[in-house]
Amino acid sequence: MSEAFDSLETDGLYFDVMRIRAFPFHDDVVDFIAEHGRIFVVEQNRDAQLRLLLINECAVDPAKLTLVLHYDGTPITARFITQEISEDVAALNATPKKKVAP
């Protein structure tokens, strides 16, 4: 994931990132989703379980969650994540977020 987001930054695309490690979800997960207009959910699970849990447990509008799904039996790669997100951003004709100094 970090390699993919480093690559996206090189292309001028900056994202806030949250790694979800446990269920039930901490309140920070709900707050993060509420603070952002579109969320890319990167999963390596055929059934997209994380996305479904976010929708059902956090009452998130499914349209807000863009799925980056990889489930062909091979490990997910940074190249795959970068390509999927880049294509989706291009299709949205979205203006990339500017990097803000910490």
C-alpha atoms as a PDB file:
ATOM      1  CA  MET A   1       0.000   0.000   0.000  1.00  0.00           C
ATOM      2  CA  SER A   2       2.666   2.512   0.938  1.00  0.00           C
ATOM      3  CA  GLU A   3       4.516   1.849  -2.333  1.00  0.00           C
ATOM      4  CA  ALA A   4       1.300   2.437  -4.278  1.00  0.00           C
ATOM      5  CA  PHE A   5       0.578   5.729  -2.535  1.00  0.00           C
ATOM      6  CA  ASP A   6       4.188   6.862  -3.002  1.00  0.00           C
ATOM      7  CA  SER A   7       3.748   6.196  -6.716  1.00  0.00           C
ATOM      8  CA  LEU A   8       0.454   8.099  -6.793  1.00  0.00           C
ATOM      9  CA  GLU A   9       2.128  11.051  -5.055  1.00  0.00           C
ATOM     10  CA  THR A  10       4.820  11.036  -7.749  1.00  0.00           C
ATOM     11  CA  ASP A  11       1.956  11.432 -10.231  1.00  0.00           C
ATOM     12  CA  GLY A  12       0.567  14.368  -8.232  1.00  0.00           C
ATOM     13  CA  LEU A  13      -2.260  12.458  -6.528  1.00  0.00           C
ATOM     14  CA  TYR A  14      -2.339  12.794  -2.742  1.00  0.00           C
ATOM     15  CA  PHE A  15      -4.597  10.815  -0.435  1.00  0.00           C
ATOM     16  CA  ASP A  16      -5.329  10.558   3.254  1.00  0.00           C
ATOM     17  CA  VAL A  17      -4.842   6.923   4.200  1.00  0.00           C
ATOM     18  CA  MET A  18      -6.276   4.766   6.969  1.00  0.00           C
ATOM     19  CA  ARG A  19      -5.416   1.145   7.561  1.00  0.00           C
ATOM     20  CA  ILE A  20      -8.229  -0.752   9.235  1.00  0.00           C
ATOM     21  CA  ARG A  21      -6.924  -3.606  11.330  1.00  0.00           C
ATOM     22  CA  ALA A  22      -9.792  -4.762  13.484  1.00  0.00           C
ATOM     23  CA  PHE A  23     -13.504  -5.275  13.756  1.00  0.00           C
ATOM     24  CA  PRO A  24     -15.619  -3.923  15.376  1.00  0.00           C
ATOM     25  CA  PHE A  25     -14.488  -0.601  13.983  1.00  0.00           C
ATOM     26  CA  HIS A  26     -13.113   2.167  16.167  1.00  0.00           C
ATOM     27  CA  ASP A  27     -14.926   5.520  16.052  1.00  0.00           C
ATOM     28  CA  ASP A  28     -11.922   6.916  14.142  1.00  0.00           C
ATOM     29  CA  VAL A  29     -12.977   4.836  11.120  1.00  0.00           C
ATOM     30  CA  VAL A  30     -16.440   6.402  11.071  1.00  0.00           C
ATOM     31  CA  ASP A  31     -14.929   9.876  11.536  1.00  0.00           C
ATOM     32  CA  PHE A  32     -12.444   9.325   8.698  1.00  0.00           C
ATOM     33  CA  ILE A  33     -15.208   8.269   6.308  1.00  0.00           C
ATOM     34  CA  ALA A  34     -17.397  11.208   7.321  1.00  0.00           C
ATOM     35  CA  GLU A  35     -14.561  13.674   6.655  1.00  0.00           C
ATOM     36  CA  HIS A  36     -13.966  12.484   3.083  1.00  0.00           C
ATOM     37  CA  GLY A  37     -16.116  12.617  -0.029  1.00  0.00           C
ATOM     38  CA  ARG A  38     -14.848   9.435  -1.664  1.00  0.00           C
ATOM     39  CA  ILE A  39     -13.155   6.460  -0.078  1.00  0.00           C
ATOM     40  CA  PHE A  40     -11.091   3.886  -1.965  1.00  0.00           C
ATOM     41  CA  VAL A  41     -11.439   0.529  -0.218  1.00  0.00           C
ATOM     42  CA  VAL A  42      -8.516  -1.682  -1.212  1.00  0.00           C
ATOM     43  CA  GLU A  43      -9.354  -5.362  -0.724  1.00  0.00           C
ATOM     44  CA  GLN A  44      -7.990  -8.733  -1.628  1.00  0.00           C
ATOM     45  CA  ASN A  45     -11.171 -10.644  -0.940  1.00  0.00           C
ATOM     46  CA  ARG A  46     -13.615 -11.930  -3.554  1.00  0.00           C
ATOM     47  CA  ASP A  47     -16.666 -11.001  -1.509  1.00  0.00           C
ATOM     48  CA  ALA A  48     -15.489  -7.462  -0.651  1.00  0.00           C
ATOM     49  CA  GLN A  49     -16.136  -8.095   3.021  1.00  0.00           C
ATOM     50  CA  LEU A  50     -14.515  -4.906   4.327  1.00  0.00           C
ATOM     51  CA  ARG A  51     -16.671  -2.704   2.107  1.00  0.00           C
ATOM     52  CA  LEU A  52     -19.809  -4.587   3.159  1.00  0.00           C
ATOM     53  CA  LEU A  53     -18.895  -4.268   6.841  1.00  0.00           C
ATOM     54  CA  LEU A  54     -18.336  -0.525   6.434  1.00  0.00           C
ATOM     55  CA  ILE A  55     -21.728  -0.143   4.745  1.00  0.00           C
ATOM     56  CA  ASN A  56     -23.620  -2.283   7.253  1.00  0.00           C
ATOM     57  CA  GLU A  57     -21.889  -1.364  10.506  1.00  0.00           C
ATOM     58  CA  CYS A  58     -21.137   2.316   9.884  1.00  0.00           C
ATOM     59  CA  ALA A  59     -24.225   3.182   7.812  1.00  0.00           C
ATOM     60  CA  VAL A  60     -22.044   4.443   4.951  1.00  0.00           C
ATOM     61  CA  ASP A  61     -23.611   5.274   1.592  1.00  0.00           C
ATOM     62  CA  PRO A  62     -22.303   2.570  -0.779  1.00  0.00           C
ATOM     63  CA  ALA A  63     -21.783   5.184  -3.505  1.00  0.00           C
ATOM     64  CA  LYS A  64     -19.137   6.820  -1.310  1.00  0.00           C
ATOM     65  CA  LEU A  65     -16.968   3.678  -1.260  1.00  0.00           C
ATOM     66  CA  THR A  66     -14.988   2.916  -4.408  1.00  0.00           C
ATOM     67  CA  LEU A  67     -13.805  -0.663  -4.422  1.00  0.00           C
ATOM     68  CA  VAL A  68     -10.274  -1.568  -5.487  1.00  0.00           C
ATOM     69  CA  LEU A  69     -10.698  -5.327  -5.576  1.00  0.00           C
ATOM     70  CA  HIS A  70      -8.046  -7.934  -6.365  1.00  0.00           C
ATOM     71  CA  TYR A  71      -8.892 -11.598  -5.877  1.00  0.00           C
ATOM     72  CA  ASP A  72      -7.223 -13.745  -8.538  1.00  0.00           C
ATOM     73  CA  GLY A  73      -5.215 -15.752  -6.025  1.00  0.00           C
ATOM     74  CA  THR A  74      -2.001 -13.768  -6.433  1.00  0.00           C
ATOM     75  CA  PRO A  75      -0.730 -11.130  -3.998  1.00  0.00           C
ATOM     76  CA  ILE A  76      -2.010  -7.631  -4.641  1.00  0.00           C
ATOM     77  CA  THR A  77       0.679  -5.372  -6.098  1.00  0.00           C
ATOM     78  CA  ALA A  78       1.420  -1.678  -5.815  1.00  0.00           C
ATOM     79  CA  ARG A  79       1.150  -1.489  -9.614  1.00  0.00           C
ATOM     80  CA  PHE A  80      -2.408  -2.869  -9.493  1.00  0.00           C
ATOM     81  CA  ILE A  81      -3.508  -0.454  -6.756  1.00  0.00           C
ATOM     82  CA  THR A  82      -1.886   2.518  -8.506  1.00  0.00           C
ATOM     83  CA  GLN A  83      -3.468   1.660 -11.846  1.00  0.00           C
ATOM     84  CA  GLU A  84      -6.971   1.117 -10.435  1.00  0.00           C
ATOM     85  CA  ILE A  85      -6.991   4.330  -8.411  1.00  0.00           C
ATOM     86  CA  SER A  86      -5.416   6.401 -11.209  1.00  0.00           C
ATOM     87  CA  GLU A  87      -7.997   5.181 -13.711  1.00  0.00           C
ATOM     88  CA  ASP A  88     -10.861   5.885 -11.334  1.00  0.00           C
ATOM     89  CA  VAL A  89      -9.626   9.408 -10.564  1.00  0.00           C
ATOM     90  CA  ALA A  90      -9.192  10.082 -14.301  1.00  0.00           C
ATOM     91  CA  ALA A  91     -12.719   8.803 -15.018  1.00  0.00           C
ATOM     92  CA  LEU A  92     -14.120  11.115 -12.350  1.00  0.00           C
ATOM     93  CA  ASN A  93     -12.283  14.029 -13.930  1.00  0.00           C
ATOM     94  CA  ALA A  94     -11.410  15.008 -10.373  1.00  0.00           C
ATOM     95  CA  THR A  95      -8.960  17.685  -9.363  1.00  0.00           C
ATOM     96  CA  PRO A  96      -6.178  16.070  -7.331  1.00  0.00           C
ATOM     97  CA  LYS A  97      -5.790  17.055  -3.708  1.00  0.00           C
ATOM     98  CA  LYS A  98      -2.772  19.260  -3.018  1.00  0.00           C
ATOM     99  CA  LYS A  99      -0.190  18.046  -0.541  1.00  0.00           C
ATOM    100  CA  VAL A 100      -0.406  19.955   2.729  1.00  0.00           C
ATOM    101  CA  ALA A 101       2.638  20.373   4.960  1.00  0.00           C
ATOM    102  CA  PRO A 102       2.245  18.595   8.333  1.00  0.00           C
END
